[in-house]
């Protein structure tokens, strides 16, 4: 299989990631090593065009099945199959007409492109794609102007800021129409620099769009049950939160034991607080949702008996068949056929709780349980145990494309995972990461770029594609 082409930029890491870039992306180093690389991941225009169309089509499938689940599936299914906490059910069934910010993860290879999962609750990677990609290409153009013989490149994510502003505007107006005003509070853990940077990036875009905004760290929020959510005495009616709902619902006050997460979600369900992303995104965030789509796909001819209509038309069936993978709630089919598969915890994040079964009884990414652990390893083991205890789904293993990229530690050979932002239902940008076969939080960000096939490449602008 051909490797993905990587174009190195003529900079050392610290030469490039300083000044404004370092200020805008302060986590360009994470876990003691570079996260952002002075390099570009090259995609062809034909690949970009297919990713644009496919990601929007898959998003439409997600939305359609989400509404089907909300309207037709019993609470027991949401709890037992999707793993949704019972305290989230009322909010999860609320149907918000506008959509929010999502990031699909795709494998792009010679075998074809496949969407392997969707991050719909709290996707990150936004400043890298919306800002850093364009900045790196700007520096490359300056080199070219000074005589560097570099092929013309353009970025696939140039319209992402506008996409975020448009989607946030739709959501704010939606909540305003329900009597929740126009001011938006933005929250995350203040100590988490990556989350804080992502949160404030979106907040600044909303401010530029003319909305009143405020940053309110999670540590400073106060909940009075049945009354309201407050920050420094000011009541919050619209809240952007970069904090997973499956964590939030478990939150309790240390001193009183008050179930503050449940109190907040009750106020959301009662229409007193508007959440961004909307709470319905917890349904699609569950990896059990991918198994639900495949189950409904395989049983499409039976849906009229259940709900009175055929869920998917022929075009939608073709989209599922082409771009999604067989995914089930148990692995027996793969075991019977000997076909490689992936086991994923339904709330797994950054590769945690994910195992590749490339040969039956041989799992990749499994640790030696008898090894002595350092305190840091013990903490990692505790986190791993949280994800391992979750119910799992089982998905056909799709071959990833490899790539070689220069790092401070030398040449690194890994595998490319292509994140695709779909914002407000439309393609908005690409987040390439190069890591192990299970893409984790140690993967490198290597910005996307497209070689221009013509002297005047298409302006991949969100607004122009409406």
Protein backbone atom coordinates (compact mmCIF):
# COMPACT_ATOMS: atom_id res chain seq x y z
CA UNK A 1 0.00 0.00 0.00
CA UNK A 2 1.33 3.47 -0.90
CA UNK A 3 2.23 5.75 1.98
CA UNK A 4 0.55 9.10 2.47
CA UNK A 5 2.78 11.92 1.18
CA UNK A 6 4.14 14.23 3.88
CA UNK A 7 5.82 17.54 3.03
CA UNK A 8 8.32 18.68 5.64
CA UNK A 9 8.62 22.41 6.24
CA UNK A 10 12.16 23.86 6.46
CA UNK A 11 11.86 24.64 10.19
CA UNK A 12 12.80 23.04 13.48
CA UNK A 13 9.89 22.77 15.90
CA UNK A 14 10.96 25.65 18.15
CA UNK A 15 11.79 27.86 15.15
CA UNK A 16 8.20 27.61 13.98
CA UNK A 17 6.10 27.26 17.13
CA UNK A 18 6.90 30.54 18.83
CA UNK A 19 5.42 34.01 19.09
CA UNK A 20 1.86 34.27 17.81
CA UNK A 21 1.65 30.58 16.84
CA UNK A 22 2.75 29.47 20.30
CA UNK A 23 0.27 31.88 21.88
CA UNK A 24 -2.61 30.66 19.73
CA UNK A 25 -1.69 26.94 20.07
CA UNK A 26 -0.02 26.72 23.51
CA UNK A 27 -0.29 22.94 23.51
CA UNK A 28 1.92 22.52 20.42
CA UNK A 29 3.91 20.38 22.85
CA UNK A 30 2.04 17.82 24.97
CA UNK A 31 3.18 15.04 27.28
CA UNK A 32 6.78 16.19 26.97
CA UNK A 33 7.01 15.95 23.19
CA UNK A 34 5.84 17.82 20.09
CA UNK A 35 2.17 17.46 19.20
CA UNK A 36 2.07 19.82 16.21
CA UNK A 37 4.67 19.12 13.53
CA UNK A 38 6.38 21.45 11.03
CA UNK A 39 5.01 19.35 8.18
CA UNK A 40 1.96 18.96 5.98
CA UNK A 41 -0.20 15.92 5.14
CA UNK A 42 -1.01 16.05 1.42
CA UNK A 43 -4.42 15.05 0.06
CA UNK A 44 -5.41 15.11 -3.58
CA UNK A 45 -8.26 17.30 -4.83
CA UNK A 46 -10.23 14.17 -5.75
CA UNK A 47 -9.84 12.88 -2.16
CA UNK A 48 -10.97 16.22 -0.76
CA UNK A 49 -14.03 16.26 -3.01
CA UNK A 50 -15.00 12.74 -1.91
CA UNK A 51 -14.44 13.54 1.77
CA UNK A 52 -16.60 16.66 1.47
CA UNK A 53 -19.51 14.82 -0.12
CA UNK A 54 -19.15 11.64 1.96
CA UNK A 55 -18.85 13.40 5.33
CA UNK A 56 -22.00 15.45 4.71
CA UNK A 57 -23.88 12.37 3.53
CA UNK A 58 -22.80 10.36 6.59
CA UNK A 59 -23.77 13.28 8.81
CA UNK A 60 -27.25 13.23 7.31
CA UNK A 61 -27.49 9.51 8.12
CA UNK A 62 -26.45 10.24 11.71
CA UNK A 63 -29.09 12.94 12.06
CA UNK A 64 -31.80 10.75 10.57
CA UNK A 65 -31.03 7.79 12.83
CA UNK A 66 -30.66 10.08 15.84
CA UNK A 67 -34.22 11.33 15.32
CA UNK A 68 -35.40 7.76 14.79
CA UNK A 69 -33.85 6.74 18.12
CA UNK A 70 -35.34 9.76 19.89
CA UNK A 71 -38.84 9.11 18.55
CA UNK A 72 -39.12 5.33 18.36
CA UNK A 73 -36.61 3.57 20.60
CA UNK A 74 -37.55 2.89 24.25
CA UNK A 75 -35.60 4.21 27.21
CA UNK A 76 -34.26 0.71 27.83
CA UNK A 77 -32.49 0.77 24.46
CA UNK A 78 -30.83 4.12 25.16
CA UNK A 79 -29.66 2.93 28.57
CA UNK A 80 -28.67 -0.66 27.82
CA UNK A 81 -27.41 -0.43 24.23
CA UNK A 82 -26.19 3.16 23.97
CA UNK A 83 -25.01 3.31 27.59
CA UNK A 84 -26.74 6.62 28.27
CA UNK A 85 -27.18 7.43 31.96
CA UNK A 86 -30.88 7.38 32.93
CA UNK A 87 -30.49 10.93 34.24
CA UNK A 88 -29.70 12.13 30.71
CA UNK A 89 -32.71 10.58 28.97
CA UNK A 90 -35.11 13.54 29.12
CA UNK A 91 -32.49 15.93 27.76
CA UNK A 92 -31.27 13.44 25.15
CA UNK A 93 -34.78 13.21 23.68
CA UNK A 94 -34.98 16.99 23.14
CA UNK A 95 -34.84 17.75 19.43
CA UNK A 96 -32.87 20.89 18.63
CA UNK A 97 -33.42 21.88 15.01
CA UNK A 98 -29.95 23.43 14.43
CA UNK A 99 -26.88 21.25 14.56
CA UNK A 100 -23.58 21.86 16.30
CA UNK A 101 -19.88 21.07 15.88
CA UNK A 102 -18.93 17.47 15.11
CA UNK A 103 -15.78 15.69 13.96
CA UNK A 104 -15.89 12.40 12.13
CA UNK A 105 -12.82 10.13 12.05
CA UNK A 106 -12.05 8.63 8.63
CA UNK A 107 -9.55 6.14 7.29
CA UNK A 108 -8.45 7.24 3.82
CA UNK A 109 -6.56 4.52 2.00
CA UNK A 110 -6.30 2.70 -1.32
CA UNK A 111 -8.92 0.27 -0.06
CA UNK A 112 -11.42 3.14 0.03
CA UNK A 113 -12.52 5.70 2.60
CA UNK A 114 -14.46 4.70 5.71
CA UNK A 115 -15.88 6.68 8.62
CA UNK A 116 -14.99 4.67 11.73
CA UNK A 117 -16.56 6.91 14.40
CA UNK A 118 -18.01 10.32 15.13
CA UNK A 119 -17.16 12.79 17.90
CA UNK A 120 -20.38 14.71 18.35
CA UNK A 121 -20.43 15.81 21.99
CA UNK A 122 -17.12 17.59 22.69
CA UNK A 123 -14.87 17.54 19.60
CA UNK A 124 -11.50 19.29 19.90
CA UNK A 125 -8.71 20.07 17.44
CA UNK A 126 -10.46 23.27 16.35
CA UNK A 127 -7.65 25.88 16.64
CA UNK A 128 -5.22 23.55 14.85
CA UNK A 129 -7.49 23.22 11.85
CA UNK A 130 -9.14 26.65 11.76
CA UNK A 131 -5.99 28.68 12.51
CA UNK A 132 -2.73 26.71 12.35
CA UNK A 133 -3.31 25.05 8.98
CA UNK A 134 -3.73 28.43 7.30
CA UNK A 135 -0.75 29.91 9.16
CA UNK A 136 1.58 27.14 8.01
CA UNK A 137 0.44 27.53 4.41
CA UNK A 138 0.92 31.30 4.68
CA UNK A 139 4.53 30.76 5.77
CA UNK A 140 5.01 28.35 2.88
CA UNK A 141 3.71 30.96 0.41
CA UNK A 142 6.21 33.47 1.84
CA UNK A 143 9.01 30.98 1.22
CA UNK A 144 7.81 30.45 -2.32
CA UNK A 145 7.71 34.21 -2.92
CA UNK A 146 11.33 34.41 -1.76
CA UNK A 147 12.41 31.86 -4.36
CA UNK A 148 11.75 28.51 -2.69
CA UNK A 149 10.77 26.04 -5.42
CA UNK A 150 7.68 24.63 -3.70
CA UNK A 151 4.52 23.41 -5.38
CA UNK A 152 1.44 25.56 -4.81
CA UNK A 153 -0.69 24.26 -1.95
CA UNK A 154 -3.98 25.37 -0.47
CA UNK A 155 -5.82 24.43 2.71
CA UNK A 156 -9.05 22.44 2.87
CA UNK A 157 -10.20 24.19 6.06
CA UNK A 158 -10.17 27.86 5.09
CA UNK A 159 -13.91 28.26 5.75
CA UNK A 160 -13.95 26.77 9.23
CA UNK A 161 -14.22 30.04 11.19
CA UNK A 162 -17.26 31.05 9.14
CA UNK A 163 -18.77 27.59 9.59
CA UNK A 164 -18.43 27.84 13.38
CA UNK A 165 -19.92 31.32 13.45
CA UNK A 166 -22.86 30.25 11.27
CA UNK A 167 -23.63 27.13 13.35
CA UNK A 168 -23.28 28.99 16.66
CA UNK A 169 -25.51 31.80 15.37
CA UNK A 170 -28.22 29.29 14.43
CA UNK A 171 -28.06 27.64 17.86
CA UNK A 172 -28.07 30.92 19.78
CA UNK A 173 -31.07 32.17 17.82
CA UNK A 174 -32.80 28.82 18.39
CA UNK A 175 -32.38 29.16 22.16
CA UNK A 176 -33.20 32.86 22.07
CA UNK A 177 -36.49 31.95 20.43
CA UNK A 178 -37.22 29.83 23.50
CA UNK A 179 -36.77 32.81 25.78
CA UNK A 180 -33.17 32.16 26.85
CA UNK A 181 -31.69 35.46 25.69
CA UNK A 182 -28.57 35.94 23.57
CA UNK A 183 -25.65 35.89 26.01
CA UNK A 184 -23.48 32.77 25.87
CA UNK A 185 -21.27 31.48 28.64
CA UNK A 186 -18.34 29.24 27.73
CA UNK A 187 -17.07 26.64 30.16
CA UNK A 188 -14.41 23.94 30.54
CA UNK A 189 -11.84 23.04 33.15
CA UNK A 190 -9.58 26.09 33.41
CA UNK A 191 -6.48 23.98 34.15
CA UNK A 192 -6.88 21.96 30.94
CA UNK A 193 -4.96 24.13 28.48
CA UNK A 194 -6.13 22.29 25.35
CA UNK A 195 -9.81 22.47 26.34
CA UNK A 196 -9.45 26.09 27.43
CA UNK A 197 -7.85 27.06 24.11
CA UNK A 198 -10.54 25.28 22.09
CA UNK A 199 -13.30 26.86 24.20
CA UNK A 200 -11.93 30.40 23.99
CA UNK A 201 -11.35 30.07 20.25
CA UNK A 202 -15.07 29.46 19.68
CA UNK A 203 -15.95 32.15 22.22
CA UNK A 204 -13.90 34.76 20.31
CA UNK A 205 -15.61 33.81 17.05
CA UNK A 206 -19.01 34.31 18.68
CA UNK A 207 -17.90 37.65 20.04
CA UNK A 208 -16.74 38.69 16.56
CA UNK A 209 -20.18 37.68 15.25
CA UNK A 210 -21.73 40.25 17.59
CA UNK A 211 -22.85 38.13 20.56
CA UNK A 212 -22.28 38.89 24.22
CA UNK A 213 -20.00 36.20 25.66
CA UNK A 214 -18.33 35.32 28.95
CA UNK A 215 -15.77 32.71 29.99
CA UNK A 216 -16.86 30.78 33.08
CA UNK A 217 -14.55 27.94 34.19
CA UNK A 218 -16.29 24.82 35.44
CA UNK A 219 -14.64 25.35 38.82
CA UNK A 220 -16.50 28.67 39.22
CA UNK A 221 -20.01 27.53 38.28
CA UNK A 222 -22.69 27.35 40.97
CA UNK A 223 -25.89 25.34 40.66
CA UNK A 224 -28.99 25.98 42.74
CA UNK A 225 -31.31 23.03 42.03
CA UNK A 226 -34.67 23.95 40.47
CA UNK A 227 -33.56 27.56 40.27
CA UNK A 228 -30.60 28.11 38.00
CA UNK A 229 -26.94 27.93 37.02
CA UNK A 230 -24.77 30.87 38.04
CA UNK A 231 -21.35 32.36 37.47
CA UNK A 232 -20.26 35.07 39.91
CA UNK A 233 -23.88 35.86 40.69
CA UNK A 234 -24.99 36.08 37.04
CA UNK A 235 -27.53 33.52 35.86
CA UNK A 236 -26.59 31.44 32.80
CA UNK A 237 -29.21 30.62 30.18
CA UNK A 238 -27.05 29.47 27.23
CA UNK A 239 -23.96 27.39 27.97
CA UNK A 240 -21.26 26.13 25.61
CA UNK A 241 -19.48 23.37 27.52
CA UNK A 242 -16.38 21.46 26.54
CA UNK A 243 -17.14 18.80 29.13
CA UNK A 244 -18.60 15.38 28.24
CA UNK A 245 -22.18 14.78 29.32
CA UNK A 246 -21.35 11.26 30.52
CA UNK A 247 -18.95 12.90 33.03
CA UNK A 248 -21.24 15.81 33.91
CA UNK A 249 -24.18 13.63 34.91
CA UNK A 250 -22.02 11.95 37.57
CA UNK A 251 -20.84 15.20 39.18
CA UNK A 252 -21.56 15.73 42.88
CA UNK A 253 -20.51 18.38 45.37
CA UNK A 254 -17.72 17.01 47.55
CA UNK A 255 -18.95 18.48 50.82
CA UNK A 256 -22.71 18.01 50.50
CA UNK A 257 -23.03 15.14 48.02
CA UNK A 258 -25.51 17.25 46.02
CA UNK A 259 -25.98 15.75 42.55
CA UNK A 260 -25.13 18.95 40.70
CA UNK A 261 -24.80 17.21 37.33
CA UNK A 262 -28.30 15.80 37.58
CA UNK A 263 -29.63 19.17 38.76
CA UNK A 264 -28.10 20.87 35.72
CA UNK A 265 -29.48 18.31 33.26
CA UNK A 266 -32.93 18.58 34.83
CA UNK A 267 -32.86 22.33 34.15
CA UNK A 268 -31.76 21.64 30.58
CA UNK A 269 -34.63 19.18 30.12
CA UNK A 270 -37.04 21.75 31.61
CA UNK A 271 -35.94 24.32 29.01
CA UNK A 272 -34.27 26.65 31.51
CA UNK A 273 -30.78 26.25 30.03
CA UNK A 274 -29.72 25.78 26.40
CA UNK A 275 -26.64 23.62 25.89
CA UNK A 276 -24.14 23.80 23.03
CA UNK A 277 -23.53 21.23 21.68
CA UNK A 278 -27.21 20.29 22.19
CA UNK A 279 -27.84 17.38 24.58
CA UNK A 280 -29.14 15.20 21.72
CA UNK A 281 -25.48 14.81 20.70
CA UNK A 282 -25.01 12.33 23.57
CA UNK A 283 -26.98 9.81 21.49
CA UNK A 284 -24.66 10.03 18.51
CA UNK A 285 -21.53 10.25 20.70
CA UNK A 286 -22.12 6.73 21.99
CA UNK A 287 -20.27 4.21 19.87
CA UNK A 288 -23.33 2.03 20.37
CA UNK A 289 -24.92 4.42 17.89
CA UNK A 290 -22.65 3.14 15.08
CA UNK A 291 -23.84 -0.39 15.83
CA UNK A 292 -27.41 0.91 15.84
CA UNK A 293 -27.01 2.36 12.34
CA UNK A 294 -25.63 -0.92 11.02
CA UNK A 295 -28.39 -2.93 12.69
CA UNK A 296 -31.04 -0.72 11.12
CA UNK A 297 -29.25 -0.93 7.76
CA UNK A 298 -29.35 -4.74 7.87
CA UNK A 299 -33.02 -4.66 8.91
CA UNK A 300 -34.20 -1.85 6.66
CA UNK A 301 -36.89 -3.98 5.02
CA UNK A 302 -38.33 -4.76 8.46
CA UNK A 303 -38.69 -1.16 9.68
CA UNK A 304 -42.18 -0.69 8.12
CA UNK A 305 -43.49 -3.35 10.50
CA UNK A 306 -42.01 -1.44 13.44
CA UNK A 307 -42.69 2.21 12.61
CA UNK A 308 -44.75 2.22 9.44
CA UNK A 309 -42.08 3.39 7.00
CA UNK A 310 -38.84 2.26 5.37
CA UNK A 311 -36.10 4.11 7.25
CA UNK A 312 -33.45 4.36 4.51
CA UNK A 313 -34.02 4.98 0.82
CA UNK A 314 -31.79 3.35 -1.81
CA UNK A 315 -29.31 6.25 -1.88
CA UNK A 316 -28.92 6.17 1.90
CA UNK A 317 -28.38 2.42 1.83
CA UNK A 318 -25.60 2.97 -0.71
CA UNK A 319 -23.99 5.64 1.52
CA UNK A 320 -23.99 3.29 4.52
CA UNK A 321 -22.66 0.39 2.47
CA UNK A 322 -19.92 2.54 0.93
CA UNK A 323 -18.71 4.65 3.84
CA UNK A 324 -19.57 2.85 7.10
CA UNK A 325 -18.31 -0.46 8.46
CA UNK A 326 -20.12 -3.53 9.82
CA UNK A 327 -20.46 -2.83 13.55
CA UNK A 328 -22.17 -5.02 16.15
CA UNK A 329 -22.87 -5.26 19.87
CA UNK A 330 -21.09 -8.63 20.08
CA UNK A 331 -18.15 -10.13 18.15
CA UNK A 332 -19.46 -13.58 17.23
CA UNK A 333 -19.67 -12.91 13.48
CA UNK A 334 -16.02 -11.83 13.31
CA UNK A 335 -14.94 -14.75 15.48
CA UNK A 336 -16.79 -17.20 13.24
CA UNK A 337 -15.25 -15.80 10.06
CA UNK A 338 -11.81 -15.09 11.51
CA UNK A 339 -12.04 -11.56 10.14
CA UNK A 340 -9.96 -8.89 11.96
CA UNK A 341 -12.01 -6.48 14.05
CA UNK A 342 -11.83 -3.68 16.59
CA UNK A 343 -13.33 -3.71 20.09
CA UNK A 344 -14.26 -0.23 21.36
CA UNK A 345 -15.64 1.00 24.67
CA UNK A 346 -18.83 2.91 23.92
CA UNK A 347 -17.52 6.07 25.59
CA UNK A 348 -13.91 5.57 24.56
CA UNK A 349 -11.88 8.71 23.85
CA UNK A 350 -8.37 9.20 22.42
CA UNK A 351 -8.13 5.48 21.69
CA UNK A 352 -8.70 4.46 25.30
CA UNK A 353 -10.74 1.28 25.64
CA UNK A 354 -9.98 0.30 22.02
CA UNK A 355 -8.27 -2.94 21.00
CA UNK A 356 -7.41 -4.34 17.60
CA UNK A 357 -8.02 -8.05 17.19
CA UNK A 358 -5.98 -8.73 14.07
CA UNK A 359 -5.73 -12.44 14.78
CA UNK A 360 -8.13 -14.28 17.04
CA UNK A 361 -6.82 -14.34 20.64
CA UNK A 362 -4.14 -11.76 19.80
CA UNK A 363 -4.90 -8.21 20.85
CA UNK A 364 -2.86 -5.14 20.02
CA UNK A 365 -2.35 -2.42 22.64
CA UNK A 366 -2.70 -4.71 25.67
CA UNK A 367 -0.45 -3.97 28.66
CA UNK A 368 1.55 -6.44 30.76
CA UNK A 369 -0.59 -6.80 33.86
CA UNK A 370 2.33 -8.18 35.93
CA UNK A 371 4.71 -5.29 35.33
CA UNK A 372 5.57 -2.96 38.22
CA UNK A 373 3.90 0.41 37.75
CA UNK A 374 5.14 3.92 38.48
CA UNK A 375 2.63 6.40 40.03
CA UNK A 376 2.03 7.86 36.58
CA UNK A 377 1.42 4.38 35.16
CA UNK A 378 -0.95 3.60 38.03
CA UNK A 379 -2.98 6.71 37.17
CA UNK A 380 -2.98 5.67 33.51
CA UNK A 381 -4.07 2.17 34.54
CA UNK A 382 -6.92 3.64 36.59
CA UNK A 383 -8.08 5.65 33.57
CA UNK A 384 -7.72 2.59 31.33
CA UNK A 385 -9.80 0.53 33.76
CA UNK A 386 -12.60 3.11 33.49
CA UNK A 387 -12.76 2.64 29.73
CA UNK A 388 -12.26 -1.13 29.88
CA UNK A 389 -15.26 -1.50 32.20
CA UNK A 390 -17.58 0.03 29.60
CA UNK A 391 -19.78 -2.06 27.30
CA UNK A 392 -18.15 -2.49 23.90
CA UNK A 393 -19.02 -2.52 20.24
CA UNK A 394 -17.20 -4.57 17.62
CA UNK A 395 -16.32 -3.14 14.22
CA UNK A 396 -14.67 -4.55 11.12
CA UNK A 397 -10.99 -3.57 11.01
CA UNK A 398 -10.19 -1.35 8.03
CA UNK A 399 -6.55 -0.98 6.85
CA UNK A 400 -4.98 2.39 7.63
CA UNK A 401 -2.52 4.18 5.40
CA UNK A 402 0.99 4.63 6.76
CA UNK A 403 3.10 7.78 6.70
CA UNK A 404 6.64 8.77 7.62
CA UNK A 405 7.28 12.12 9.24
CA UNK A 406 10.36 13.75 10.70
CA UNK A 407 10.20 14.53 14.44
CA UNK A 408 12.67 15.75 17.04
CA UNK A 409 13.24 12.11 17.98
CA UNK A 410 13.95 11.17 14.36
CA UNK A 411 11.91 9.62 11.59
CA UNK A 412 8.55 8.32 12.82
CA UNK A 413 6.49 5.84 10.86
CA UNK A 414 2.84 5.72 11.87
CA UNK A 415 -0.68 5.61 10.51
CA UNK A 416 -2.91 8.44 9.31
CA UNK A 417 -6.33 9.10 10.81
CA UNK A 418 -8.25 11.84 9.00
CA UNK A 419 -10.59 13.86 11.17
CA UNK A 420 -13.29 15.67 9.21
CA UNK A 421 -15.19 18.52 10.84
CA UNK A 422 -18.85 18.75 9.90
CA UNK A 423 -20.28 21.93 11.41
CA UNK A 424 -23.91 22.90 11.08
CA UNK A 425 -24.29 19.93 8.76
CA UNK A 426 -21.61 21.06 6.30
CA UNK A 427 -17.99 20.03 5.68
CA UNK A 428 -15.68 22.53 7.38
CA UNK A 429 -12.14 21.18 7.69
CA UNK A 430 -9.65 18.34 8.08
CA UNK A 431 -7.62 17.25 11.13
CA UNK A 432 -4.92 14.73 10.14
CA UNK A 433 -3.18 12.86 12.96
CA UNK A 434 -0.31 10.42 12.63
CA UNK A 435 -0.01 7.82 15.36
CA UNK A 436 -0.21 4.14 16.15
CA UNK A 437 -2.82 1.78 14.74
CA UNK A 438 -5.03 2.87 17.61
CA UNK A 439 -4.84 6.66 17.37
CA UNK A 440 -4.33 7.96 20.91
CA UNK A 441 -3.46 11.20 22.66
CA UNK A 442 0.22 10.76 21.71
CA UNK A 443 -0.53 11.09 17.97
CA UNK A 444 0.98 13.98 16.03
CA UNK A 445 -1.03 16.72 14.34
CA UNK A 446 0.24 17.24 10.80
CA UNK A 447 -1.82 19.90 9.01
CA UNK A 448 -3.68 19.12 5.80
CA UNK A 449 -2.83 20.65 2.44
CA UNK A 450 -3.96 20.12 -1.15
CA UNK A 451 -1.60 20.44 -4.17
CA UNK A 452 -3.28 22.82 -6.57
CA UNK A 453 -4.05 21.11 -9.87
CA UNK A 454 -4.52 24.51 -11.52
CA UNK A 455 -2.98 27.98 -11.06
CA UNK A 456 -6.23 29.14 -9.44
CA UNK A 457 -7.36 26.38 -7.05
CA UNK A 458 -10.96 26.42 -5.80
CA UNK A 459 -11.51 28.52 -2.69
CA UNK A 460 -12.77 25.88 -0.30
CA UNK A 461 -14.91 28.34 1.54
CA UNK A 462 -17.88 27.33 3.66
CA UNK A 463 -19.94 30.35 2.67
CA UNK A 464 -19.42 29.83 -1.07
CA UNK A 465 -20.67 26.24 -0.77
CA UNK A 466 -24.15 27.11 0.51
